[in-house]
Amino acid sequence: EPTEEMRKVYDIVLTAQTAAIESAKAG
């Protein structure tokens, strides 16, 4: 089981990646 801090950091990275993928497009 990850610590609370590990979960927090993981979620931040996942949120950042999700936002970038949602914005990725030609142009």
mmCIF file of all heavy atoms, coordinates in Angstrom:
data_MODEL
# 
_entry.id   MODEL 
# 
loop_
_atom_site.group_PDB 
_atom_site.id 
_atom_site.type_symbol 
_atom_site.label_atom_id 
_atom_site.label_alt_id 
_atom_site.label_comp_id 
_atom_site.label_asym_id 
_atom_site.label_entity_id 
_atom_site.label_seq_id 
_atom_site.pdbx_PDB_ins_code 
_atom_site.Cartn_x 
_atom_site.Cartn_y 
_atom_site.Cartn_z 
_atom_site.occupancy 
_atom_site.B_iso_or_equiv 
_atom_site.pdbx_formal_charge 
_atom_site.auth_seq_id 
_atom_site.auth_comp_id 
_atom_site.auth_asym_id 
_atom_site.auth_atom_id 
_atom_site.pdbx_PDB_model_num 
ATOM 1   N N   . GLU A 1 1  ? 0.830   -1.205 0.000   1.00 0.00 ? 1  GLU A N   1 
ATOM 2   C CA  . GLU A 1 1  ? 0.000   0.000  0.000   1.00 0.00 ? 1  GLU A CA  1 
ATOM 3   C C   . GLU A 1 1  ? 0.864   1.255  0.000   1.00 0.00 ? 1  GLU A C   1 
ATOM 4   O O   . GLU A 1 1  ? 1.796   1.379  0.799   1.00 0.00 ? 1  GLU A O   1 
ATOM 5   C CB  . GLU A 1 1  ? -0.919  0.015  1.223   1.00 0.00 ? 1  GLU A CB  1 
ATOM 6   C CG  . GLU A 1 1  ? -2.038  -1.015 1.156   1.00 0.00 ? 1  GLU A CG  1 
ATOM 7   C CD  . GLU A 1 1  ? -2.956  -0.774 -0.026  1.00 0.00 ? 1  GLU A CD  1 
ATOM 8   O OE1 . GLU A 1 1  ? -3.314  0.389  -0.273  1.00 0.00 ? 1  GLU A OE1 1 
ATOM 9   O OE2 . GLU A 1 1  ? -3.318  -1.765 -0.700  1.00 0.00 ? 1  GLU A OE2 1 
ATOM 10  N N   . PRO A 1 2  ? 0.568   2.213  -0.880  1.00 0.00 ? 2  PRO A N   1 
ATOM 11  C CA  . PRO A 1 2  ? 1.312   3.473  -0.898  1.00 0.00 ? 2  PRO A CA  1 
ATOM 12  C C   . PRO A 1 2  ? 0.925   4.364  0.275   1.00 0.00 ? 2  PRO A C   1 
ATOM 13  O O   . PRO A 1 2  ? -0.174  4.250  0.824   1.00 0.00 ? 2  PRO A O   1 
ATOM 14  C CB  . PRO A 1 2  ? 0.884   4.107  -2.223  1.00 0.00 ? 2  PRO A CB  1 
ATOM 15  C CG  . PRO A 1 2  ? -0.491  3.565  -2.469  1.00 0.00 ? 2  PRO A CG  1 
ATOM 16  C CD  . PRO A 1 2  ? -0.481  2.168  -1.918  1.00 0.00 ? 2  PRO A CD  1 
ATOM 17  N N   . THR A 1 3  ? 1.827   5.249  0.634   1.00 0.00 ? 3  THR A N   1 
ATOM 18  C CA  . THR A 1 3  ? 1.526   6.229  1.675   1.00 0.00 ? 3  THR A CA  1 
ATOM 19  C C   . THR A 1 3  ? 0.584   7.290  1.120   1.00 0.00 ? 3  THR A C   1 
ATOM 20  O O   . THR A 1 3  ? 0.357   7.387  -0.101  1.00 0.00 ? 3  THR A O   1 
ATOM 21  C CB  . THR A 1 3  ? 2.811   6.911  2.173   1.00 0.00 ? 3  THR A CB  1 
ATOM 22  O OG1 . THR A 1 3  ? 3.367   7.677  1.085   1.00 0.00 ? 3  THR A OG1 1 
ATOM 23  C CG2 . THR A 1 3  ? 3.831   5.883  2.662   1.00 0.00 ? 3  THR A CG2 1 
ATOM 24  N N   . GLU A 1 4  ? 0.080   8.117  2.009   1.00 0.00 ? 4  GLU A N   1 
ATOM 25  C CA  . GLU A 1 4  ? -0.805  9.202  1.585   1.00 0.00 ? 4  GLU A CA  1 
ATOM 26  C C   . GLU A 1 4  ? -0.074  10.145 0.631   1.00 0.00 ? 4  GLU A C   1 
ATOM 27  O O   . GLU A 1 4  ? -0.648  10.604 -0.360  1.00 0.00 ? 4  GLU A O   1 
ATOM 28  C CB  . GLU A 1 4  ? -1.307  9.964  2.806   1.00 0.00 ? 4  GLU A CB  1 
ATOM 29  C CG  . GLU A 1 4  ? -2.289  11.080 2.473   1.00 0.00 ? 4  GLU A CG  1 
ATOM 30  C CD  . GLU A 1 4  ? -2.814  11.782 3.707   1.00 0.00 ? 4  GLU A CD  1 
ATOM 31  O OE1 . GLU A 1 4  ? -2.738  11.195 4.815   1.00 0.00 ? 4  GLU A OE1 1 
ATOM 32  O OE2 . GLU A 1 4  ? -3.307  12.924 3.586   1.00 0.00 ? 4  GLU A OE2 1 
ATOM 33  N N   . GLU A 1 5  ? 1.194   10.425 0.926   1.00 0.00 ? 5  GLU A N   1 
ATOM 34  C CA  . GLU A 1 5  ? 1.971   11.319 0.050   1.00 0.00 ? 5  GLU A CA  1 
ATOM 35  C C   . GLU A 1 5  ? 2.183   10.693 -1.322  1.00 0.00 ? 5  GLU A C   1 
ATOM 36  O O   . GLU A 1 5  ? 2.088   11.373 -2.353  1.00 0.00 ? 5  GLU A O   1 
ATOM 37  C CB  . GLU A 1 5  ? 3.330   11.650 0.686   1.00 0.00 ? 5  GLU A CB  1 
ATOM 38  C CG  . GLU A 1 5  ? 4.152   12.615 -0.158  1.00 0.00 ? 5  GLU A CG  1 
ATOM 39  C CD  . GLU A 1 5  ? 5.543   12.868 0.416   1.00 0.00 ? 5  GLU A CD  1 
ATOM 40  O OE1 . GLU A 1 5  ? 6.021   12.024 1.216   1.00 0.00 ? 5  GLU A OE1 1 
ATOM 41  O OE2 . GLU A 1 5  ? 6.145   13.887 0.041   1.00 0.00 ? 5  GLU A OE2 1 
ATOM 42  N N   . MET A 1 6  ? 2.455   9.405  -1.355  1.00 0.00 ? 6  MET A N   1 
ATOM 43  C CA  . MET A 1 6  ? 2.636   8.715  -2.639  1.00 0.00 ? 6  MET A CA  1 
ATOM 44  C C   . MET A 1 6  ? 1.367   8.785  -3.468  1.00 0.00 ? 6  MET A C   1 
ATOM 45  O O   . MET A 1 6  ? 1.407   9.045  -4.677  1.00 0.00 ? 6  MET A O   1 
ATOM 46  C CB  . MET A 1 6  ? 3.066   7.260  -2.392  1.00 0.00 ? 6  MET A CB  1 
ATOM 47  C CG  . MET A 1 6  ? 4.477   7.125  -1.822  1.00 0.00 ? 6  MET A CG  1 
ATOM 48  S SD  . MET A 1 6  ? 4.815   5.480  -1.125  1.00 0.00 ? 6  MET A SD  1 
ATOM 49  C CE  . MET A 1 6  ? 4.903   4.476  -2.615  1.00 0.00 ? 6  MET A CE  1 
ATOM 50  N N   . ARG A 1 7  ? 0.225   8.566  -2.839  1.00 0.00 ? 7  ARG A N   1 
ATOM 51  C CA  . ARG A 1 7  ? -1.048  8.667  -3.559  1.00 0.00 ? 7  ARG A CA  1 
ATOM 52  C C   . ARG A 1 7  ? -1.280  10.078 -4.081  1.00 0.00 ? 7  ARG A C   1 
ATOM 53  O O   . ARG A 1 7  ? -1.756  10.270 -5.207  1.00 0.00 ? 7  ARG A O   1 
ATOM 54  C CB  . ARG A 1 7  ? -2.205  8.251  -2.640  1.00 0.00 ? 7  ARG A CB  1 
ATOM 55  C CG  . ARG A 1 7  ? -2.307  6.756  -2.396  1.00 0.00 ? 7  ARG A CG  1 
ATOM 56  C CD  . ARG A 1 7  ? -3.589  6.427  -1.642  1.00 0.00 ? 7  ARG A CD  1 
ATOM 57  N NE  . ARG A 1 7  ? -3.706  5.008  -1.380  1.00 0.00 ? 7  ARG A NE  1 
ATOM 58  C CZ  . ARG A 1 7  ? -4.191  4.114  -2.237  1.00 0.00 ? 7  ARG A CZ  1 
ATOM 59  N NH1 . ARG A 1 7  ? -4.625  4.532  -3.426  1.00 0.00 ? 7  ARG A NH1 1 
ATOM 60  N NH2 . ARG A 1 7  ? -4.259  2.845  -1.917  1.00 0.00 ? 7  ARG A NH2 1 
ATOM 61  N N   . LYS A 1 8  ? -0.977  11.057 -3.242  1.00 0.00 ? 8  LYS A N   1 
ATOM 62  C CA  . LYS A 1 8  ? -1.175  12.454 -3.628  1.00 0.00 ? 8  LYS A CA  1 
ATOM 63  C C   . LYS A 1 8  ? -0.365  12.790 -4.864  1.00 0.00 ? 8  LYS A C   1 
ATOM 64  O O   . LYS A 1 8  ? -0.885  13.366 -5.839  1.00 0.00 ? 8  LYS A O   1 
ATOM 65  C CB  . LYS A 1 8  ? -0.789  13.371 -2.473  1.00 0.00 ? 8  LYS A CB  1 
ATOM 66  C CG  . LYS A 1 8  ? -0.866  14.856 -2.808  1.00 0.00 ? 8  LYS A CG  1 
ATOM 67  C CD  . LYS A 1 8  ? -0.361  15.702 -1.651  1.00 0.00 ? 8  LYS A CD  1 
ATOM 68  C CE  . LYS A 1 8  ? -0.349  17.190 -2.014  1.00 0.00 ? 8  LYS A CE  1 
ATOM 69  N NZ  . LYS A 1 8  ? 0.183   18.011 -0.909  1.00 0.00 ? 8  LYS A NZ  1 
ATOM 70  N N   . VAL A 1 9  ? 0.907   12.448 -4.863  1.00 0.00 ? 9  VAL A N   1 
ATOM 71  C CA  . VAL A 1 9  ? 1.781   12.752 -6.001  1.00 0.00 ? 9  VAL A CA  1 
ATOM 72  C C   . VAL A 1 9  ? 1.321   11.992 -7.235  1.00 0.00 ? 9  VAL A C   1 
ATOM 73  O O   . VAL A 1 9  ? 1.288   12.550 -8.347  1.00 0.00 ? 9  VAL A O   1 
ATOM 74  C CB  . VAL A 1 9  ? 3.247   12.429 -5.652  1.00 0.00 ? 9  VAL A CB  1 
ATOM 75  C CG1 . VAL A 1 9  ? 4.127   12.484 -6.901  1.00 0.00 ? 9  VAL A CG1 1 
ATOM 76  C CG2 . VAL A 1 9  ? 3.764   13.400 -4.600  1.00 0.00 ? 9  VAL A CG2 1 
ATOM 77  N N   . TYR A 1 10 ? 0.970   10.739 -7.069  1.00 0.00 ? 10 TYR A N   1 
ATOM 78  C CA  . TYR A 1 10 ? 0.490   9.951  -8.209  1.00 0.00 ? 10 TYR A CA  1 
ATOM 79  C C   . TYR A 1 10 ? -0.733  10.616 -8.836  1.00 0.00 ? 10 TYR A C   1 
ATOM 80  O O   . TYR A 1 10 ? -0.827  10.747 -10.065 1.00 0.00 ? 10 TYR A O   1 
ATOM 81  C CB  . TYR A 1 10 ? 0.144   8.524  -7.762  1.00 0.00 ? 10 TYR A CB  1 
ATOM 82  C CG  . TYR A 1 10 ? -0.111  7.576  -8.914  1.00 0.00 ? 10 TYR A CG  1 
ATOM 83  C CD1 . TYR A 1 10 ? 0.874   6.719  -9.366  1.00 0.00 ? 10 TYR A CD1 1 
ATOM 84  C CD2 . TYR A 1 10 ? -1.351  7.558  -9.561  1.00 0.00 ? 10 TYR A CD2 1 
ATOM 85  C CE1 . TYR A 1 10 ? 0.648   5.853  -10.432 1.00 0.00 ? 10 TYR A CE1 1 
ATOM 86  C CE2 . TYR A 1 10 ? -1.591  6.708  -10.626 1.00 0.00 ? 10 TYR A CE2 1 
ATOM 87  C CZ  . TYR A 1 10 ? -0.585  5.858  -11.057 1.00 0.00 ? 10 TYR A CZ  1 
ATOM 88  O OH  . TYR A 1 10 ? -0.826  5.024  -12.121 1.00 0.00 ? 10 TYR A OH  1 
ATOM 89  N N   . ASP A 1 11 ? -1.659  11.055 -8.015  1.00 0.00 ? 11 ASP A N   1 
ATOM 90  C CA  . ASP A 1 11 ? -2.886  11.668 -8.525  1.00 0.00 ? 11 ASP A CA  1 
ATOM 91  C C   . ASP A 1 11 ? -2.603  12.979 -9.254  1.00 0.00 ? 11 ASP A C   1 
ATOM 92  O O   . ASP A 1 11 ? -3.265  13.293 -10.254 1.00 0.00 ? 11 ASP A O   1 
ATOM 93  C CB  . ASP A 1 11 ? -3.869  11.910 -7.376  1.00 0.00 ? 11 ASP A CB  1 
ATOM 94  C CG  . ASP A 1 11 ? -4.494  10.618 -6.849  1.00 0.00 ? 11 ASP A CG  1 
ATOM 95  O OD1 . ASP A 1 11 ? -4.412  9.590  -7.563  1.00 0.00 ? 11 ASP A OD1 1 
ATOM 96  O OD2 . ASP A 1 11 ? -5.043  10.629 -5.735  1.00 0.00 ? 11 ASP A OD2 1 
ATOM 97  N N   . ILE A 1 12 ? -1.632  13.738 -8.776  1.00 0.00 ? 12 ILE A N   1 
ATOM 98  C CA  . ILE A 1 12 ? -1.266  14.993 -9.448  1.00 0.00 ? 12 ILE A CA  1 
ATOM 99  C C   . ILE A 1 12 ? -0.708  14.693 -10.841 1.00 0.00 ? 12 ILE A C   1 
ATOM 100 O O   . ILE A 1 12 ? -1.080  15.337 -11.826 1.00 0.00 ? 12 ILE A O   1 
ATOM 101 C CB  . ILE A 1 12 ? -0.240  15.783 -8.608  1.00 0.00 ? 12 ILE A CB  1 
ATOM 102 C CG1 . ILE A 1 12 ? -0.886  16.288 -7.316  1.00 0.00 ? 12 ILE A CG1 1 
ATOM 103 C CG2 . ILE A 1 12 ? 0.329   16.962 -9.411  1.00 0.00 ? 12 ILE A CG2 1 
ATOM 104 C CD1 . ILE A 1 12 ? 0.124   16.817 -6.305  1.00 0.00 ? 12 ILE A CD1 1 
ATOM 105 N N   . VAL A 1 13 ? 0.175   13.712 -10.923 1.00 0.00 ? 13 VAL A N   1 
ATOM 106 C CA  . VAL A 1 13 ? 0.762   13.346 -12.216 1.00 0.00 ? 13 VAL A CA  1 
ATOM 107 C C   . VAL A 1 13 ? -0.325  12.852 -13.165 1.00 0.00 ? 13 VAL A C   1 
ATOM 108 O O   . VAL A 1 13 ? -0.367  13.227 -14.345 1.00 0.00 ? 13 VAL A O   1 
ATOM 109 C CB  . VAL A 1 13 ? 1.863   12.275 -12.043 1.00 0.00 ? 13 VAL A CB  1 
ATOM 110 C CG1 . VAL A 1 13 ? 2.351   11.775 -13.403 1.00 0.00 ? 13 VAL A CG1 1 
ATOM 111 C CG2 . VAL A 1 13 ? 3.038   12.841 -11.242 1.00 0.00 ? 13 VAL A CG2 1 
ATOM 112 N N   . LEU A 1 14 ? -1.225  12.029 -12.669 1.00 0.00 ? 14 LEU A N   1 
ATOM 113 C CA  . LEU A 1 14 ? -2.296  11.505 -13.511 1.00 0.00 ? 14 LEU A CA  1 
ATOM 114 C C   . LEU A 1 14 ? -3.231  12.622 -13.982 1.00 0.00 ? 14 LEU A C   1 
ATOM 115 O O   . LEU A 1 14 ? -3.649  12.643 -15.143 1.00 0.00 ? 14 LEU A O   1 
ATOM 116 C CB  . LEU A 1 14 ? -3.081  10.442 -12.753 1.00 0.00 ? 14 LEU A CB  1 
ATOM 117 C CG  . LEU A 1 14 ? -4.233  9.773  -13.522 1.00 0.00 ? 14 LEU A CG  1 
ATOM 118 C CD1 . LEU A 1 14 ? -3.723  9.146  -14.820 1.00 0.00 ? 14 LEU A CD1 1 
ATOM 119 C CD2 . LEU A 1 14 ? -4.922  8.727  -12.650 1.00 0.00 ? 14 LEU A CD2 1 
ATOM 120 N N   . THR A 1 15 ? -3.536  13.566 -13.097 1.00 0.00 ? 15 THR A N   1 
ATOM 121 C CA  . THR A 1 15 ? -4.374  14.699 -13.479 1.00 0.00 ? 15 THR A CA  1 
ATOM 122 C C   . THR A 1 15 ? -3.710  15.531 -14.567 1.00 0.00 ? 15 THR A C   1 
ATOM 123 O O   . THR A 1 15 ? -4.355  15.945 -15.543 1.00 0.00 ? 15 THR A O   1 
ATOM 124 C CB  . THR A 1 15 ? -4.672  15.581 -12.250 1.00 0.00 ? 15 THR A CB  1 
ATOM 125 O OG1 . THR A 1 15 ? -5.375  14.817 -11.272 1.00 0.00 ? 15 THR A OG1 1 
ATOM 126 C CG2 . THR A 1 15 ? -5.506  16.796 -12.628 1.00 0.00 ? 15 THR A CG2 1 
ATOM 127 N N   . ALA A 1 16 ? -2.409  15.762 -14.417 1.00 0.00 ? 16 ALA A N   1 
ATOM 128 C CA  . ALA A 1 16 ? -1.664  16.538 -15.418 1.00 0.00 ? 16 ALA A CA  1 
ATOM 129 C C   . ALA A 1 16 ? -1.644  15.815 -16.758 1.00 0.00 ? 16 ALA A C   1 
ATOM 130 O O   . ALA A 1 16 ? -1.827  16.434 -17.820 1.00 0.00 ? 16 ALA A O   1 
ATOM 131 C CB  . ALA A 1 16 ? -0.237  16.790 -14.922 1.00 0.00 ? 16 ALA A CB  1 
ATOM 132 N N   . GLN A 1 17 ? -1.425  14.513 -16.721 1.00 0.00 ? 17 GLN A N   1 
ATOM 133 C CA  . GLN A 1 17 ? -1.381  13.764 -17.973 1.00 0.00 ? 17 GLN A CA  1 
ATOM 134 C C   . GLN A 1 17 ? -2.745  13.734 -18.642 1.00 0.00 ? 17 GLN A C   1 
ATOM 135 O O   . GLN A 1 17 ? -2.865  13.899 -19.863 1.00 0.00 ? 17 GLN A O   1 
ATOM 136 C CB  . GLN A 1 17 ? -0.893  12.339 -17.721 1.00 0.00 ? 17 GLN A CB  1 
ATOM 137 C CG  . GLN A 1 17 ? -0.477  11.655 -19.011 1.00 0.00 ? 17 GLN A CG  1 
ATOM 138 C CD  . GLN A 1 17 ? -0.775  10.169 -19.042 1.00 0.00 ? 17 GLN A CD  1 
ATOM 139 O OE1 . GLN A 1 17 ? -1.736  9.709  -18.436 1.00 0.00 ? 17 GLN A OE1 1 
ATOM 140 N NE2 . GLN A 1 17 ? 0.052   9.424  -19.761 1.00 0.00 ? 17 GLN A NE2 1 
ATOM 141 N N   . THR A 1 18 ? -3.790  13.517 -17.873 1.00 0.00 ? 18 THR A N   1 
ATOM 142 C CA  . THR A 1 18 ? -5.144  13.472 -18.426 1.00 0.00 ? 18 THR A CA  1 
ATOM 143 C C   . THR A 1 18 ? -5.503  14.782 -19.104 1.00 0.00 ? 18 THR A C   1 
ATOM 144 O O   . THR A 1 18 ? -6.062  14.796 -20.215 1.00 0.00 ? 18 THR A O   1 
ATOM 145 C CB  . THR A 1 18 ? -6.159  13.154 -17.307 1.00 0.00 ? 18 THR A CB  1 
ATOM 146 O OG1 . THR A 1 18 ? -5.843  11.892 -16.727 1.00 0.00 ? 18 THR A OG1 1 
ATOM 147 C CG2 . THR A 1 18 ? -7.575  13.114 -17.861 1.00 0.00 ? 18 THR A CG2 1 
ATOM 148 N N   . ALA A 1 19 ? -5.174  15.899 -18.475 1.00 0.00 ? 19 ALA A N   1 
ATOM 149 C CA  . ALA A 1 19 ? -5.468  17.208 -19.050 1.00 0.00 ? 19 ALA A CA  1 
ATOM 150 C C   . ALA A 1 19 ? -4.720  17.418 -20.357 1.00 0.00 ? 19 ALA A C   1 
ATOM 151 O O   . ALA A 1 19 ? -5.275  17.960 -21.325 1.00 0.00 ? 19 ALA A O   1 
ATOM 152 C CB  . ALA A 1 19 ? -5.118  18.308 -18.052 1.00 0.00 ? 19 ALA A CB  1 
ATOM 153 N N   . ALA A 1 20 ? -3.467  16.998 -20.394 1.00 0.00 ? 20 ALA A N   1 
ATOM 154 C CA  . ALA A 1 20 ? -2.672  17.165 -21.618 1.00 0.00 ? 20 ALA A CA  1 
ATOM 155 C C   . ALA A 1 20 ? -3.224  16.310 -22.747 1.00 0.00 ? 20 ALA A C   1 
ATOM 156 O O   . ALA A 1 20 ? -3.326  16.764 -23.896 1.00 0.00 ? 20 ALA A O   1 
ATOM 157 C CB  . ALA A 1 20 ? -1.207  16.828 -21.344 1.00 0.00 ? 20 ALA A CB  1 
ATOM 158 N N   . ILE A 1 21 ? -3.586  15.076 -22.445 1.00 0.00 ? 21 ILE A N   1 
ATOM 159 C CA  . ILE A 1 21 ? -4.131  14.196 -23.483 1.00 0.00 ? 21 ILE A CA  1 
ATOM 160 C C   . ILE A 1 21 ? -5.453  14.758 -24.010 1.00 0.00 ? 21 ILE A C   1 
ATOM 161 O O   . ILE A 1 21 ? -5.710  14.725 -25.220 1.00 0.00 ? 21 ILE A O   1 
ATOM 162 C CB  . ILE A 1 21 ? -4.311  12.763 -22.942 1.00 0.00 ? 21 ILE A CB  1 
ATOM 163 C CG1 . ILE A 1 21 ? -2.937  12.117 -22.719 1.00 0.00 ? 21 ILE A CG1 1 
ATOM 164 C CG2 . ILE A 1 21 ? -5.143  11.911 -23.900 1.00 0.00 ? 21 ILE A CG2 1 
ATOM 165 C CD1 . ILE A 1 21 ? -2.982  10.763 -22.054 1.00 0.00 ? 21 ILE A CD1 1 
ATOM 166 N N   . GLU A 1 22 ? -6.273  15.297 -23.133 1.00 0.00 ? 22 GLU A N   1 
ATOM 167 C CA  . GLU A 1 22 ? -7.544  15.876 -23.568 1.00 0.00 ? 22 GLU A CA  1 
ATOM 168 C C   . GLU A 1 22 ? -7.346  17.087 -24.471 1.00 0.00 ? 22 GLU A C   1 
ATOM 169 O O   . GLU A 1 22 ? -8.219  17.408 -25.294 1.00 0.00 ? 22 GLU A O   1 
ATOM 170 C CB  . GLU A 1 22 ? -8.376  16.267 -22.343 1.00 0.00 ? 22 GLU A CB  1 
ATOM 171 C CG  . GLU A 1 22 ? -8.925  15.066 -21.583 1.00 0.00 ? 22 GLU A CG  1 
ATOM 172 C CD  . GLU A 1 22 ? -9.664  15.454 -20.314 1.00 0.00 ? 22 GLU A CD  1 
ATOM 173 O OE1 . GLU A 1 22 ? -9.580  16.649 -19.919 1.00 0.00 ? 22 GLU A OE1 1 
ATOM 174 O OE2 . GLU A 1 22 ? -10.309 14.579 -19.712 1.00 0.00 ? 22 GLU A OE2 1 
ATOM 175 N N   . SER A 1 23 ? -6.197  17.753 -24.360 1.00 0.00 ? 23 SER A N   1 
ATOM 176 C CA  . SER A 1 23 ? -5.911  18.942 -25.166 1.00 0.00 ? 23 SER A CA  1 
ATOM 177 C C   . SER A 1 23 ? -5.050  18.645 -26.388 1.00 0.00 ? 23 SER A C   1 
ATOM 178 O O   . SER A 1 23 ? -4.839  19.532 -27.216 1.00 0.00 ? 23 SER A O   1 
ATOM 179 C CB  . SER A 1 23 ? -5.201  19.993 -24.305 1.00 0.00 ? 23 SER A CB  1 
ATOM 180 O OG  . SER A 1 23 ? -5.997  20.378 -23.213 1.00 0.00 ? 23 SER A OG  1 
ATOM 181 N N   . ALA A 1 24 ? -4.536  17.439 -26.496 1.00 0.00 ? 24 ALA A N   1 
ATOM 182 C CA  . ALA A 1 24 ? -3.619  17.093 -27.584 1.00 0.00 ? 24 ALA A CA  1 
ATOM 183 C C   . ALA A 1 24 ? -4.382  16.958 -28.896 1.00 0.00 ? 24 ALA A C   1 
ATOM 184 O O   . ALA A 1 24 ? -5.304  16.153 -29.011 1.00 0.00 ? 24 ALA A O   1 
ATOM 185 C CB  . ALA A 1 24 ? -2.894  15.781 -27.266 1.00 0.00 ? 24 ALA A CB  1 
ATOM 186 N N   . LYS A 1 25 ? -3.997  17.752 -29.868 1.00 0.00 ? 25 LYS A N   1 
ATOM 187 C CA  . LYS A 1 25 ? -4.627  17.713 -31.189 1.00 0.00 ? 25 LYS A CA  1 
ATOM 188 C C   . LYS A 1 25 ? -3.749  18.471 -32.166 1.00 0.00 ? 25 LYS A C   1 
ATOM 189 O O   . LYS A 1 25 ? -2.847  19.232 -31.777 1.00 0.00 ? 25 LYS A O   1 
ATOM 190 C CB  . LYS A 1 25 ? -6.017  18.339 -31.148 1.00 0.00 ? 25 LYS A CB  1 
ATOM 191 C CG  . LYS A 1 25 ? -6.023  19.792 -30.734 1.00 0.00 ? 25 LYS A CG  1 
ATOM 192 C CD  . LYS A 1 25 ? -7.441  20.338 -30.662 1.00 0.00 ? 25 LYS A CD  1 
ATOM 193 C CE  . LYS A 1 25 ? -7.435  21.801 -30.203 1.00 0.00 ? 25 LYS A CE  1 
ATOM 194 N NZ  . LYS A 1 25 ? -8.822  22.350 -30.124 1.00 0.00 ? 25 LYS A NZ  1 
ATOM 195 N N   . ALA A 1 26 ? -4.002  18.273 -33.428 1.00 0.00 ? 26 ALA A N   1 
ATOM 196 C CA  . ALA A 1 26 ? -3.285  19.028 -34.457 1.00 0.00 ? 26 ALA A CA  1 
ATOM 197 C C   . ALA A 1 26 ? -3.607  20.509 -34.295 1.00 0.00 ? 26 ALA A C   1 
ATOM 198 O O   . ALA A 1 26 ? -4.744  20.886 -34.009 1.00 0.00 ? 26 ALA A O   1 
ATOM 199 C CB  . ALA A 1 26 ? -3.700  18.538 -35.839 1.00 0.00 ? 26 ALA A CB  1 
ATOM 200 N N   . GLY A 1 27 ? -2.570  21.339 -34.467 1.00 0.00 ? 27 GLY A N   1 
ATOM 201 C CA  . GLY A 1 27 ? -2.767  22.777 -34.391 1.00 0.00 ? 27 GLY A CA  1 
ATOM 202 C C   . GLY A 1 27 ? -2.311  23.407 -33.094 1.00 0.00 ? 27 GLY A C   1 
ATOM 203 O O   . GLY A 1 27 ? -2.165  24.632 -33.022 1.00 0.00 ? 27 GLY A O   1 
# 
